[in-house]
Amino acid sequence: MVKIMVVDDDPDQISTVKYVLESTNDNYEVVGANDGTQCLQLLKDKKIPDLILLDIMMPVMNGWEVYNRLKENFSWKNIPVIFLTARTDRIAKNAGGFLGDDYIEKPFNREDLLKRIDKILRKK
């Protein structure tokens, strides 16, 4: 099984991504985290995914902060991160594309999301 963590403060977004991925590929298991704190707690509890889909705009701890925490931790720093966000400004696009393994704007295209996830997982 390929475990994918979706970190987003919108439960509908997590449900949508979970449905899209799990209904398309029986080998995908999607785990949701409602915010950055929950994401880090799941990682501390050894629920290490093969890939993280990370929203940027979240309360308490935004996606940039979560990304920095991931990269500071030896056990988590090699987990591929795709920024999946409604933030579409040039700064976010450039930073997300540079820092993360990919950057996808919401609303996402189902086939595009699947193709990009597959590409990153094959590289890993």
PDB file of N, CA and C in Angstrom:
ATOM      1  N   MET A   1       0.836  -1.198   0.000  1.00  0.00           N
ATOM      2  CA  MET A   1       0.000   0.000   0.000  1.00  0.00           C
ATOM      3  C   MET A   1       0.876   1.255   0.000  1.00  0.00           C
ATOM      4  N   VAL A   2       0.427   2.236  -0.761  1.00  0.00           N
ATOM      5  CA  VAL A   2       1.069   3.542  -0.800  1.00  0.00           C
ATOM      6  C   VAL A   2       0.247   4.466   0.090  1.00  0.00           C
ATOM      7  N   LYS A   3       0.882   4.973   1.144  1.00  0.00           N
ATOM      8  CA  LYS A   3       0.179   5.831   2.086  1.00  0.00           C
ATOM      9  C   LYS A   3       0.411   7.297   1.707  1.00  0.00           C
ATOM     10  N   ILE A   4      -0.692   8.033   1.540  1.00  0.00           N
ATOM     11  CA  ILE A   4      -0.636   9.446   1.202  1.00  0.00           C
ATOM     12  C   ILE A   4      -1.357  10.225   2.291  1.00  0.00           C
ATOM     13  N   MET A   5      -0.674  11.227   2.842  1.00  0.00           N
ATOM     14  CA  MET A   5      -1.273  12.070   3.871  1.00  0.00           C
ATOM     15  C   MET A   5      -1.738  13.377   3.233  1.00  0.00           C
ATOM     16  N   VAL A   6      -2.986  13.730   3.504  1.00  0.00           N
ATOM     17  CA  VAL A   6      -3.544  14.995   3.035  1.00  0.00           C
ATOM     18  C   VAL A   6      -3.680  15.901   4.252  1.00  0.00           C
ATOM     19  N   VAL A   7      -2.987  17.034   4.228  1.00  0.00           N
ATOM     20  CA  VAL A   7      -3.031  17.978   5.339  1.00  0.00           C
ATOM     21  C   VAL A   7      -3.782  19.215   4.857  1.00  0.00           C
ATOM     22  N   ASP A   8      -4.993  19.405   5.395  1.00  0.00           N
ATOM     23  CA  ASP A   8      -5.850  20.502   4.956  1.00  0.00           C
ATOM     24  C   ASP A   8      -6.855  20.805   6.056  1.00  0.00           C
ATOM     25  N   ASP A   9      -7.124  22.083   6.296  1.00  0.00           N
ATOM     26  CA  ASP A   9      -8.079  22.448   7.340  1.00  0.00           C
ATOM     27  C   ASP A   9      -9.528  22.332   6.867  1.00  0.00           C
ATOM     28  N   ASP A  10      -9.732  21.986   5.610  1.00  0.00           N
ATOM     29  CA  ASP A  10     -11.080  21.806   5.064  1.00  0.00           C
ATOM     30  C   ASP A  10     -11.381  20.305   4.961  1.00  0.00           C
ATOM     31  N   PRO A  11     -12.255  19.782   5.839  1.00  0.00           N
ATOM     32  CA  PRO A  11     -12.563  18.347   5.820  1.00  0.00           C
ATOM     33  C   PRO A  11     -13.119  17.877   4.478  1.00  0.00           C
ATOM     34  N   ASP A  12     -13.851  18.751   3.777  1.00  0.00           N
ATOM     35  CA  ASP A  12     -14.380  18.377   2.460  1.00  0.00           C
ATOM     36  C   ASP A  12     -13.253  18.143   1.466  1.00  0.00           C
ATOM     37  N   GLN A  13     -12.211  18.940   1.565  1.00  0.00           N
ATOM     38  CA  GLN A  13     -11.060  18.779   0.669  1.00  0.00           C
ATOM     39  C   GLN A  13     -10.383  17.429   0.932  1.00  0.00           C
ATOM     40  N   ILE A  14     -10.210  17.087   2.191  1.00  0.00           N
ATOM     41  CA  ILE A  14      -9.605  15.794   2.546  1.00  0.00           C
ATOM     42  C   ILE A  14     -10.470  14.661   1.999  1.00  0.00           C
ATOM     43  N   SER A  15     -11.777  14.752   2.203  1.00  0.00           N
ATOM     44  CA  SER A  15     -12.693  13.711   1.717  1.00  0.00           C
ATOM     45  C   SER A  15     -12.650  13.581   0.198  1.00  0.00           C
ATOM     46  N   THR A  16     -12.595  14.704  -0.485  1.00  0.00           N
ATOM     47  CA  THR A  16     -12.552  14.682  -1.949  1.00  0.00           C
ATOM     48  C   THR A  16     -11.282  14.020  -2.449  1.00  0.00           C
ATOM     49  N   VAL A  17     -10.150  14.426  -1.899  1.00  0.00           N
ATOM     50  CA  VAL A  17      -8.869  13.841  -2.325  1.00  0.00           C
ATOM     51  C   VAL A  17      -8.842  12.354  -2.003  1.00  0.00           C
ATOM     52  N   LYS A  18      -9.330  11.992  -0.817  1.00  0.00           N
ATOM     53  CA  LYS A  18      -9.374  10.582  -0.419  1.00  0.00           C
ATOM     54  C   LYS A  18     -10.204   9.775  -1.422  1.00  0.00           C
ATOM     55  N   TYR A  19     -11.373  10.292  -1.764  1.00  0.00           N
ATOM     56  CA  TYR A  19     -12.239   9.599  -2.715  1.00  0.00           C
ATOM     57  C   TYR A  19     -11.565   9.463  -4.078  1.00  0.00           C
ATOM     58  N   VAL A  20     -11.011  10.550  -4.582  1.00  0.00           N
ATOM     59  CA  VAL A  20     -10.363  10.541  -5.900  1.00  0.00           C
ATOM     60  C   VAL A  20      -9.229   9.519  -5.930  1.00  0.00           C
ATOM     61  N   LEU A  21      -8.387   9.540  -4.930  1.00  0.00           N
ATOM     62  CA  LEU A  21      -7.222   8.648  -4.944  1.00  0.00           C
ATOM     63  C   LEU A  21      -7.599   7.192  -4.701  1.00  0.00           C
ATOM     64  N   GLU A  22      -8.398   6.942  -3.678  1.00  0.00           N
ATOM     65  CA  GLU A  22      -8.707   5.550  -3.326  1.00  0.00           C
ATOM     66  C   GLU A  22      -9.653   4.887  -4.326  1.00  0.00           C
ATOM     67  N   SER A  23     -10.496   5.665  -4.996  1.00  0.00           N
ATOM     68  CA  SER A  23     -11.397   5.065  -5.980  1.00  0.00           C
ATOM     69  C   SER A  23     -10.686   4.805  -7.304  1.00  0.00           C
ATOM     70  N   THR A  24      -9.558   5.448  -7.499  1.00  0.00           N
ATOM     71  CA  THR A  24      -8.805   5.303  -8.742  1.00  0.00           C
ATOM     72  C   THR A  24      -7.732   4.222  -8.640  1.00  0.00           C
ATOM     73  N   ASN A  25      -7.163   4.070  -7.444  1.00  0.00           N
ATOM     74  CA  ASN A  25      -6.046   3.147  -7.274  1.00  0.00           C
ATOM     75  C   ASN A  25      -6.234   2.364  -5.975  1.00  0.00           C
ATOM     76  N   ASP A  26      -6.444   1.064  -6.091  1.00  0.00           N
ATOM     77  CA  ASP A  26      -6.640   0.219  -4.902  1.00  0.00           C
ATOM     78  C   ASP A  26      -5.408   0.173  -4.013  1.00  0.00           C
ATOM     79  N   ASN A  27      -4.282   0.619  -4.530  1.00  0.00           N
ATOM     80  CA  ASN A  27      -3.029   0.571  -3.792  1.00  0.00           C
ATOM     81  C   ASN A  27      -2.807   1.827  -2.945  1.00  0.00           C
ATOM     82  N   TYR A  28      -3.694   2.825  -3.054  1.00  0.00           N
ATOM     83  CA  TYR A  28      -3.560   4.065  -2.281  1.00  0.00           C
ATOM     84  C   TYR A  28      -4.363   3.984  -0.989  1.00  0.00           C
ATOM     85  N   GLU A  29      -3.729   4.384   0.084  1.00  0.00           N
ATOM     86  CA  GLU A  29      -4.399   4.567   1.372  1.00  0.00           C
ATOM     87  C   GLU A  29      -4.195   6.022   1.769  1.00  0.00           C
ATOM     88  N   VAL A  30      -5.283   6.756   1.949  1.00  0.00           N
ATOM     89  CA  VAL A  30      -5.197   8.177   2.259  1.00  0.00           C
ATOM     90  C   VAL A  30      -5.510   8.415   3.729  1.00  0.00           C
ATOM     91  N   VAL A  31      -4.620   9.160   4.374  1.00  0.00           N
ATOM     92  CA  VAL A  31      -4.775   9.537   5.776  1.00  0.00           C
ATOM     93  C   VAL A  31      -4.933  11.052   5.812  1.00  0.00           C
ATOM     94  N   GLY A  32      -5.929  11.533   6.525  1.00  0.00           N
ATOM     95  CA  GLY A  32      -6.166  12.969   6.616  1.00  0.00           C
ATOM     96  C   GLY A  32      -5.652  13.552   7.908  1.00  0.00           C
ATOM     97  N   ALA A  33      -5.162  14.786   7.808  1.00  0.00           N
ATOM     98  CA  ALA A  33      -4.776  15.570   8.984  1.00  0.00           C
ATOM     99  C   ALA A  33      -5.423  16.939   8.823  1.00  0.00           C
ATOM    100  N   ASN A  34      -6.144  17.380   9.845  1.00  0.00           N
ATOM    101  CA  ASN A  34      -6.906  18.624   9.761  1.00  0.00           C
ATOM    102  C   ASN A  34      -6.074  19.891   9.917  1.00  0.00           C
ATOM    103  N   ASP A  35      -4.834  19.733  10.325  1.00  0.00           N
ATOM    104  CA  ASP A  35      -3.951  20.892  10.454  1.00  0.00           C
ATOM    105  C   ASP A  35      -2.509  20.414  10.605  1.00  0.00           C
ATOM    106  N   GLY A  36      -1.597  21.368  10.650  1.00  0.00           N
ATOM    107  CA  GLY A  36      -0.183  21.033  10.750  1.00  0.00           C
ATOM    108  C   GLY A  36       0.176  20.299  12.026  1.00  0.00           C
ATOM    109  N   THR A  37      -0.466  20.671  13.118  1.00  0.00           N
ATOM    110  CA  THR A  37      -0.184  20.015  14.399  1.00  0.00           C
ATOM    111  C   THR A  37      -0.556  18.540  14.346  1.00  0.00           C
ATOM    112  N   GLN A  38      -1.718  18.239  13.778  1.00  0.00           N
ATOM    113  CA  GLN A  38      -2.141  16.839  13.660  1.00  0.00           C
ATOM    114  C   GLN A  38      -1.215  16.073  12.725  1.00  0.00           C
ATOM    115  N   CYS A  39      -0.774  16.709  11.655  1.00  0.00           N
ATOM    116  CA  CYS A  39       0.177  16.081  10.737  1.00  0.00           C
ATOM    117  C   CYS A  39       1.440  15.662  11.485  1.00  0.00           C
ATOM    118  N   LEU A  40       2.011  16.605  12.229  1.00  0.00           N
ATOM    119  CA  LEU A  40       3.248  16.302  12.957  1.00  0.00           C
ATOM    120  C   LEU A  40       3.034  15.230  14.017  1.00  0.00           C
ATOM    121  N   GLN A  41       1.858  15.236  14.662  1.00  0.00           N
ATOM    122  CA  GLN A  41       1.575  14.204  15.669  1.00  0.00           C
ATOM    123  C   GLN A  41       1.477  12.826  15.025  1.00  0.00           C
ATOM    124  N   LEU A  42       0.824  12.737  13.875  1.00  0.00           N
ATOM    125  CA  LEU A  42       0.743  11.449  13.170  1.00  0.00           C
ATOM    126  C   LEU A  42       2.144  10.954  12.807  1.00  0.00           C
ATOM    127  N   LEU A  43       2.991  11.859  12.373  1.00  0.00           N
ATOM    128  CA  LEU A  43       4.370  11.478  12.037  1.00  0.00           C
ATOM    129  C   LEU A  43       5.126  11.007  13.280  1.00  0.00           C
ATOM    130  N   LYS A  44       4.937  11.707  14.392  1.00  0.00           N
ATOM    131  CA  LYS A  44       5.579  11.302  15.650  1.00  0.00           C
ATOM    132  C   LYS A  44       5.086   9.929  16.098  1.00  0.00           C
ATOM    133  N   ASP A  45       3.826   9.615  15.769  1.00  0.00           N
ATOM    134  CA  ASP A  45       3.246   8.318  16.117  1.00  0.00           C
ATOM    135  C   ASP A  45       3.624   7.237  15.101  1.00  0.00           C
ATOM    136  N   LYS A  46       4.606   7.535  14.271  1.00  0.00           N
ATOM    137  CA  LYS A  46       5.168   6.586  13.286  1.00  0.00           C
ATOM    138  C   LYS A  46       4.201   6.254  12.148  1.00  0.00           C
ATOM    139  N   LYS A  47       3.273   7.143  11.875  1.00  0.00           N
ATOM    140  CA  LYS A  47       2.390   6.975  10.713  1.00  0.00           C
ATOM    141  C   LYS A  47       3.018   7.762   9.558  1.00  0.00           C
ATOM    142  N   ILE A  48       4.085   7.199   9.011  1.00  0.00           N
ATOM    143  CA  ILE A  48       4.888   7.875   8.000  1.00  0.00           C
ATOM    144  C   ILE A  48       4.334   7.572   6.604  1.00  0.00           C
ATOM    145  N   PRO A  49       3.901   8.607   5.882  1.00  0.00           N
ATOM    146  CA  PRO A  49       3.364   8.383   4.538  1.00  0.00           C
ATOM    147  C   PRO A  49       4.476   8.322   3.489  1.00  0.00           C
ATOM    148  N   ASP A  50       4.095   7.878   2.313  1.00  0.00           N
ATOM    149  CA  ASP A  50       5.013   7.864   1.177  1.00  0.00           C
ATOM    150  C   ASP A  50       5.034   9.224   0.481  1.00  0.00           C
ATOM    151  N   LEU A  51       3.994  10.046   0.744  1.00  0.00           N
ATOM    152  CA  LEU A  51       3.878  11.355   0.119  1.00  0.00           C
ATOM    153  C   LEU A  51       2.905  12.198   0.929  1.00  0.00           C
ATOM    154  N   ILE A  52       3.137  13.506   0.978  1.00  0.00           N
ATOM    155  CA  ILE A  52       2.243  14.421   1.688  1.00  0.00           C
ATOM    156  C   ILE A  52       1.697  15.454   0.712  1.00  0.00           C
ATOM    157  N   LEU A  53       0.370  15.613   0.712  1.00  0.00           N
ATOM    158  CA  LEU A  53      -0.299  16.701  -0.002  1.00  0.00           C
ATOM    159  C   LEU A  53      -0.590  17.762   1.043  1.00  0.00           C
ATOM    160  N   LEU A  54       0.021  18.927   0.907  1.00  0.00           N
ATOM    161  CA  LEU A  54       0.027  19.928   1.975  1.00  0.00           C
ATOM    162  C   LEU A  54      -0.583  21.249   1.526  1.00  0.00           C
ATOM    163  N   ASP A  55      -1.625  21.671   2.243  1.00  0.00           N
ATOM    164  CA  ASP A  55      -2.228  22.975   2.002  1.00  0.00           C
ATOM    165  C   ASP A  55      -1.295  24.044   2.574  1.00  0.00           C
ATOM    166  N   ILE A  56      -1.334  25.238   2.012  1.00  0.00           N
ATOM    167  CA  ILE A  56      -0.499  26.332   2.529  1.00  0.00           C
ATOM    168  C   ILE A  56      -1.269  27.160   3.541  1.00  0.00           C
ATOM    169  N   MET A  57      -2.508  27.521   3.211  1.00  0.00           N
ATOM    170  CA  MET A  57      -3.274  28.428   4.070  1.00  0.00           C
ATOM    171  C   MET A  57      -4.085  27.648   5.104  1.00  0.00           C
ATOM    172  N   MET A  58      -3.500  27.543   6.303  1.00  0.00           N
ATOM    173  CA  MET A  58      -4.181  26.876   7.414  1.00  0.00           C
ATOM    174  C   MET A  58      -3.967  27.708   8.668  1.00  0.00           C
ATOM    175  N   PRO A  59      -4.940  27.679   9.599  1.00  0.00           N
ATOM    176  CA  PRO A  59      -4.750  28.411  10.859  1.00  0.00           C
ATOM    177  C   PRO A  59      -3.722  27.713  11.750  1.00  0.00           C
ATOM    178  N   VAL A  60      -3.251  28.413  12.720  1.00  0.00           N
ATOM    179  CA  VAL A  60      -2.293  27.960  13.732  1.00  0.00           C
ATOM    180  C   VAL A  60      -0.910  27.708  13.116  1.00  0.00           C
ATOM    181  N   MET A  61      -0.790  26.738  12.237  1.00  0.00           N
ATOM    182  CA  MET A  61       0.493  26.428  11.605  1.00  0.00           C
ATOM    183  C   MET A  61       0.246  26.301  10.100  1.00  0.00           C
ATOM    184  N   ASN A  62       0.776  27.253   9.330  1.00  0.00           N
ATOM    185  CA  ASN A  62       0.537  27.197   7.895  1.00  0.00           C
ATOM    186  C   ASN A  62       1.425  26.150   7.220  1.00  0.00           C
ATOM    187  N   GLY A  63       1.187  25.923   5.947  1.00  0.00           N
ATOM    188  CA  GLY A  63       1.920  24.889   5.217  1.00  0.00           C
ATOM    189  C   GLY A  63       3.419  25.127   5.153  1.00  0.00           C
ATOM    190  N   TRP A  64       3.824  26.402   5.083  1.00  0.00           N
ATOM    191  CA  TRP A  64       5.266  26.695   5.060  1.00  0.00           C
ATOM    192  C   TRP A  64       5.926  26.228   6.351  1.00  0.00           C
ATOM    193  N   GLU A  65       5.259  26.481   7.486  1.00  0.00           N
ATOM    194  CA  GLU A  65       5.791  26.061   8.791  1.00  0.00           C
ATOM    195  C   GLU A  65       5.853  24.537   8.888  1.00  0.00           C
ATOM    196  N   VAL A  66       4.803  23.873   8.433  1.00  0.00           N
ATOM    197  CA  VAL A  66       4.786  22.408   8.454  1.00  0.00           C
ATOM    198  C   VAL A  66       5.937  21.886   7.596  1.00  0.00           C
ATOM    199  N   TYR A  67       6.104  22.451   6.410  1.00  0.00           N
ATOM    200  CA  TYR A  67       7.185  22.039   5.511  1.00  0.00           C
ATOM    201  C   TYR A  67       8.546  22.179   6.201  1.00  0.00           C
ATOM    202  N   ASN A  68       8.771  23.312   6.865  1.00  0.00           N
ATOM    203  CA  ASN A  68      10.043  23.522   7.562  1.00  0.00           C
ATOM    204  C   ASN A  68      10.264  22.481   8.652  1.00  0.00           C
ATOM    205  N   ARG A  69       9.214  22.159   9.398  1.00  0.00           N
ATOM    206  CA  ARG A  69       9.338  21.140  10.463  1.00  0.00           C
ATOM    207  C   ARG A  69       9.664  19.772   9.870  1.00  0.00           C
ATOM    208  N   LEU A  70       9.059  19.463   8.723  1.00  0.00           N
ATOM    209  CA  LEU A  70       9.336  18.190   8.063  1.00  0.00           C
ATOM    210  C   LEU A  70      10.811  18.107   7.690  1.00  0.00           C
ATOM    211  N   LYS A  71      11.325  19.165   7.113  1.00  0.00           N
ATOM    212  CA  LYS A  71      12.697  19.153   6.603  1.00  0.00           C
ATOM    213  C   LYS A  71      13.736  19.214   7.714  1.00  0.00           C
ATOM    214  N   GLU A  72      13.332  19.659   8.907  1.00  0.00           N
ATOM    215  CA  GLU A  72      14.244  19.704  10.062  1.00  0.00           C
ATOM    216  C   GLU A  72      14.399  18.345  10.732  1.00  0.00           C
ATOM    217  N   ASN A  73      13.485  17.419  10.459  1.00  0.00           N
ATOM    218  CA  ASN A  73      13.484  16.129  11.133  1.00  0.00           C
ATOM    219  C   ASN A  73      14.111  15.065  10.227  1.00  0.00           C
ATOM    220  N   PHE A  74      15.127  14.390  10.733  1.00  0.00           N
ATOM    221  CA  PHE A  74      15.855  13.389   9.949  1.00  0.00           C
ATOM    222  C   PHE A  74      14.936  12.291   9.413  1.00  0.00           C
ATOM    223  N   SER A  75      13.949  11.878  10.203  1.00  0.00           N
ATOM    224  CA  SER A  75      13.061  10.777   9.800  1.00  0.00           C
ATOM    225  C   SER A  75      12.013  11.198   8.768  1.00  0.00           C
ATOM    226  N   TRP A  76      11.770  12.496   8.637  1.00  0.00           N
ATOM    227  CA  TRP A  76      10.701  12.968   7.764  1.00  0.00           C
ATOM    228  C   TRP A  76      11.187  13.759   6.561  1.00  0.00           C
ATOM    229  N   LYS A  77      12.436  14.174   6.568  1.00  0.00           N
ATOM    230  CA  LYS A  77      12.896  15.150   5.565  1.00  0.00           C
ATOM    231  C   LYS A  77      12.861  14.643   4.129  1.00  0.00           C
ATOM    232  N   ASN A  78      12.833  13.339   3.937  1.00  0.00           N
ATOM    233  CA  ASN A  78      12.811  12.806   2.571  1.00  0.00           C
ATOM    234  C   ASN A  78      11.413  12.442   2.070  1.00  0.00           C
ATOM    235  N   ILE A  79      10.384  12.741   2.857  1.00  0.00           N
ATOM    236  CA  ILE A  79       9.014  12.498   2.405  1.00  0.00           C
ATOM    237  C   ILE A  79       8.693  13.534   1.331  1.00  0.00           C
ATOM    238  N   PRO A  80       8.307  13.094   0.131  1.00  0.00           N
ATOM    239  CA  PRO A  80       7.948  14.064  -0.909  1.00  0.00           C
ATOM    240  C   PRO A  80       6.721  14.872  -0.497  1.00  0.00           C
ATOM    241  N   VAL A  81       6.748  16.174  -0.824  1.00  0.00           N
ATOM    242  CA  VAL A  81       5.650  17.084  -0.486  1.00  0.00           C
ATOM    243  C   VAL A  81       5.144  17.755  -1.755  1.00  0.00           C
ATOM    244  N   ILE A  82       3.832  17.646  -1.964  1.00  0.00           N
ATOM    245  CA  ILE A  82       3.166  18.399  -3.019  1.00  0.00           C
ATOM    246  C   ILE A  82       2.298  19.433  -2.324  1.00  0.00           C
ATOM    247  N   PHE A  83       2.547  20.707  -2.619  1.00  0.00           N
ATOM    248  CA  PHE A  83       1.669  21.746  -2.105  1.00  0.00           C
ATOM    249  C   PHE A  83       0.386  21.720  -2.934  1.00  0.00           C
ATOM    250  N   LEU A  84      -0.744  21.515  -2.261  1.00  0.00           N
ATOM    251  CA  LEU A  84      -2.068  21.484  -2.892  1.00  0.00           C
ATOM    252  C   LEU A  84      -2.868  22.604  -2.247  1.00  0.00           C
ATOM    253  N   THR A  85      -3.005  23.722  -2.948  1.00  0.00           N
ATOM    254  CA  THR A  85      -3.498  24.924  -2.291  1.00  0.00           C
ATOM    255  C   THR A  85      -4.339  25.810  -3.195  1.00  0.00           C
ATOM    256  N   ALA A  86      -5.172  26.621  -2.573  1.00  0.00           N
ATOM    257  CA  ALA A  86      -5.960  27.620  -3.297  1.00  0.00           C
ATOM    258  C   ALA A  86      -5.154  28.902  -3.465  1.00  0.00           C
ATOM    259  N   ARG A  87      -4.012  28.947  -2.847  1.00  0.00           N
ATOM    260  CA  ARG A  87      -3.169  30.148  -2.964  1.00  0.00           C
ATOM    261  C   ARG A  87      -2.512  30.145  -4.343  1.00  0.00           C
ATOM    262  N   THR A  88      -2.799  31.164  -5.131  1.00  0.00           N
ATOM    263  CA  THR A  88      -2.368  31.175  -6.527  1.00  0.00           C
ATOM    264  C   THR A  88      -1.447  32.336  -6.880  1.00  0.00           C
ATOM    265  N   ASP A  89      -0.992  33.097  -5.892  1.00  0.00           N
ATOM    266  CA  ASP A  89      -0.120  34.224  -6.201  1.00  0.00           C
ATOM    267  C   ASP A  89       1.257  33.737  -6.662  1.00  0.00           C
ATOM    268  N   ARG A  90       1.977  34.603  -7.345  1.00  0.00           N
ATOM    269  CA  ARG A  90       3.256  34.245  -7.940  1.00  0.00           C
ATOM    270  C   ARG A  90       4.278  33.799  -6.886  1.00  0.00           C
ATOM    271  N   ILE A  91       4.291  34.450  -5.746  1.00  0.00           N
ATOM    272  CA  ILE A  91       5.247  34.093  -4.687  1.00  0.00           C
ATOM    273  C   ILE A  91       5.000  32.665  -4.211  1.00  0.00           C
ATOM    274  N   ALA A  92       3.737  32.324  -3.961  1.00  0.00           N
ATOM    275  CA  ALA A  92       3.411  30.968  -3.509  1.00  0.00           C
ATOM    276  C   ALA A  92       3.758  29.939  -4.578  1.00  0.00           C
ATOM    277  N   LYS A  93       3.432  30.247  -5.830  1.00  0.00           N
ATOM    278  CA  LYS A  93       3.743  29.319  -6.926  1.00  0.00           C
ATOM    279  C   LYS A  93       5.244  29.075  -7.031  1.00  0.00           C
ATOM    280  N   ASN A  94       6.008  30.152  -6.995  1.00  0.00           N
ATOM    281  CA  ASN A  94       7.463  30.015  -7.116  1.00  0.00           C
ATOM    282  C   ASN A  94       8.061  29.282  -5.923  1.00  0.00           C
ATOM    283  N   ALA A  95       7.672  29.682  -4.722  1.00  0.00           N
ATOM    284  CA  ALA A  95       8.209  29.037  -3.519  1.00  0.00           C
ATOM    285  C   ALA A  95       7.750  27.590  -3.422  1.00  0.00           C
ATOM    286  N   GLY A  96       6.468  27.353  -3.691  1.00  0.00           N
ATOM    287  CA  GLY A  96       5.950  25.989  -3.623  1.00  0.00           C
ATOM    288  C   GLY A  96       6.600  25.075  -4.633  1.00  0.00           C
ATOM    289  N   GLY A  97       6.799  25.574  -5.840  1.00  0.00           N
ATOM    290  CA  GLY A  97       7.444  24.777  -6.882  1.00  0.00           C
ATOM    291  C   GLY A  97       8.910  24.542  -6.613  1.00  0.00           C
ATOM    292  N   PHE A  98       9.556  25.507  -5.956  1.00  0.00           N
ATOM    293  CA  PHE A  98      10.985  25.385  -5.649  1.00  0.00           C
ATOM    294  C   PHE A  98      11.218  24.487  -4.440  1.00  0.00           C
ATOM    295  N   LEU A  99      10.459  24.720  -3.378  1.00  0.00           N
ATOM    296  CA  LEU A  99      10.663  23.970  -2.131  1.00  0.00           C
ATOM    297  C   LEU A  99      10.099  22.559  -2.209  1.00  0.00           C
ATOM    298  N   GLY A 100       8.853  22.474  -2.640  1.00  0.00           N
ATOM    299  CA  GLY A 100       8.184  21.182  -2.671  1.00  0.00           C
ATOM    300  C   GLY A 100       8.548  20.387  -3.907  1.00  0.00           C
ATOM    301  N   ASP A 101       8.038  19.179  -3.957  1.00  0.00           N
ATOM    302  CA  ASP A 101       8.255  18.322  -5.114  1.00  0.00           C
ATOM    303  C   ASP A 101       7.322  18.710  -6.258  1.00  0.00           C
ATOM    304  N   ASP A 102       6.227  19.413  -5.911  1.00  0.00           N
ATOM    305  CA  ASP A 102       5.308  19.916  -6.923  1.00  0.00           C
ATOM    306  C   ASP A 102       4.379  20.916  -6.253  1.00  0.00           C
ATOM    307  N   TYR A 103       3.625  21.633  -7.078  1.00  0.00           N
ATOM    308  CA  TYR A 103       2.690  22.652  -6.612  1.00  0.00           C
ATOM    309  C   TYR A 103       1.437  22.538  -7.479  1.00  0.00           C
ATOM    310  N   ILE A 104       0.292  22.295  -6.849  1.00  0.00           N
ATOM    311  CA  ILE A 104      -0.963  22.124  -7.572  1.00  0.00           C
ATOM    312  C   ILE A 104      -1.992  23.081  -6.978  1.00  0.00           C
ATOM    313  N   GLU A 105      -2.671  23.801  -7.862  1.00  0.00           N
ATOM    314  CA  GLU A 105      -3.694  24.740  -7.418  1.00  0.00           C
ATOM    315  C   GLU A 105      -5.045  24.050  -7.271  1.00  0.00           C
ATOM    316  N   LYS A 106      -5.803  24.490  -6.261  1.00  0.00           N
ATOM    317  CA  LYS A 106      -7.191  24.068  -6.099  1.00  0.00           C
ATOM    318  C   LYS A 106      -8.060  25.042  -6.873  1.00  0.00           C
ATOM    319  N   PRO A 107      -9.133  24.637  -7.448  1.00  0.00           N
ATOM    320  CA  PRO A 107      -9.565  23.245  -7.543  1.00  0.00           C
ATOM    321  C   PRO A 107      -8.654  22.495  -8.513  1.00  0.00           C
ATOM    322  N   PHE A 108      -8.370  21.256  -8.183  1.00  0.00           N
ATOM    323  CA  PHE A 108      -7.451  20.458  -8.990  1.00  0.00           C
ATOM    324  C   PHE A 108      -8.195  19.637 -10.028  1.00  0.00           C
ATOM    325  N   ASN A 109      -7.474  19.264 -11.052  1.00  0.00           N
ATOM    326  CA  ASN A 109      -7.981  18.364 -12.080  1.00  0.00           C
ATOM    327  C   ASN A 109      -7.616  16.944 -11.644  1.00  0.00           C
ATOM    328  N   ARG A 110      -8.577  16.080 -11.592  1.00  0.00           N
ATOM    329  CA  ARG A 110      -8.395  14.704 -11.105  1.00  0.00           C
ATOM    330  C   ARG A 110      -7.247  13.979 -11.812  1.00  0.00           C
ATOM    331  N   GLU A 111      -7.260  13.980 -13.140  1.00  0.00           N
ATOM    332  CA  GLU A 111      -6.236  13.259 -13.902  1.00  0.00           C
ATOM    333  C   GLU A 111      -4.854  13.868 -13.686  1.00  0.00           C
ATOM    334  N   ASP A 112      -4.804  15.211 -13.610  1.00  0.00           N
ATOM    335  CA  ASP A 112      -3.538  15.896 -13.384  1.00  0.00           C
ATOM    336  C   ASP A 112      -2.970  15.538 -12.014  1.00  0.00           C
ATOM    337  N   LEU A 113      -3.815  15.545 -10.991  1.00  0.00           N
ATOM    338  CA  LEU A 113      -3.374  15.183  -9.638  1.00  0.00           C
ATOM    339  C   LEU A 113      -2.811  13.771  -9.622  1.00  0.00           C
ATOM    340  N   LEU A 114      -3.532  12.828 -10.209  1.00  0.00           N
ATOM    341  CA  LEU A 114      -3.083  11.433 -10.233  1.00  0.00           C
ATOM    342  C   LEU A 114      -1.753  11.279 -10.971  1.00  0.00           C
ATOM    343  N   LYS A 115      -1.638  11.966 -12.092  1.00  0.00           N
ATOM    344  CA  LYS A 115      -0.419  11.887 -12.899  1.00  0.00           C
ATOM    345  C   LYS A 115       0.786  12.440 -12.135  1.00  0.00           C
ATOM    346  N   ARG A 116       0.594  13.556 -11.463  1.00  0.00           N
ATOM    347  CA  ARG A 116       1.699  14.172 -10.720  1.00  0.00           C
ATOM    348  C   ARG A 116       2.108  13.338  -9.514  1.00  0.00           C
ATOM    349  N   ILE A 117       1.131  12.778  -8.809  1.00  0.00           N
ATOM    350  CA  ILE A 117       1.448  11.907  -7.677  1.00  0.00           C
ATOM    351  C   ILE A 117       2.227  10.691  -8.170  1.00  0.00           C
ATOM    352  N   ASP A 118       1.754  10.082  -9.232  1.00  0.00           N
ATOM    353  CA  ASP A 118       2.420   8.909  -9.788  1.00  0.00           C
ATOM    354  C   ASP A 118       3.857   9.229 -10.196  1.00  0.00           C
ATOM    355  N   LYS A 119       4.065  10.365 -10.814  1.00  0.00           N
ATOM    356  CA  LYS A 119       5.404  10.778 -11.256  1.00  0.00           C
ATOM    357  C   LYS A 119       6.359  10.904 -10.061  1.00  0.00           C
ATOM    358  N   ILE A 120       5.896  11.520  -8.998  1.00  0.00           N
ATOM    359  CA  ILE A 120       6.748  11.706  -7.816  1.00  0.00           C
ATOM    360  C   ILE A 120       7.001  10.385  -7.109  1.00  0.00           C
ATOM    361  N   LEU A 121       5.999   9.540  -7.014  1.00  0.00           N
ATOM    362  CA  LEU A 121       6.194   8.249  -6.368  1.00  0.00           C
ATOM    363  C   LEU A 121       7.152   7.357  -7.166  1.00  0.00           C
ATOM    364  N   ARG A 122       7.130   7.462  -8.480  1.00  0.00           N
ATOM    365  CA  ARG A 122       8.070   6.684  -9.298  1.00  0.00           C
ATOM    366  C   ARG A 122       9.500   7.159  -9.094  1.00  0.00           C
ATOM    367  N   LYS A 123       9.683   8.455  -8.890  1.00  0.00           N
ATOM    368  CA  LYS A 123      11.030   9.005  -8.640  1.00  0.00           C
ATOM    369  C   LYS A 123      11.569   8.519  -7.303  1.00  0.00           C
ATOM    370  N   LYS A 124      10.681   8.381  -6.341  1.00  0.00           N
ATOM    371  CA  LYS A 124      11.068   7.986  -4.982  1.00  0.00           C
ATOM    372  C   LYS A 124      11.572   6.571  -5.010  1.00  0.00           C
TER     373      LYS A 124
END
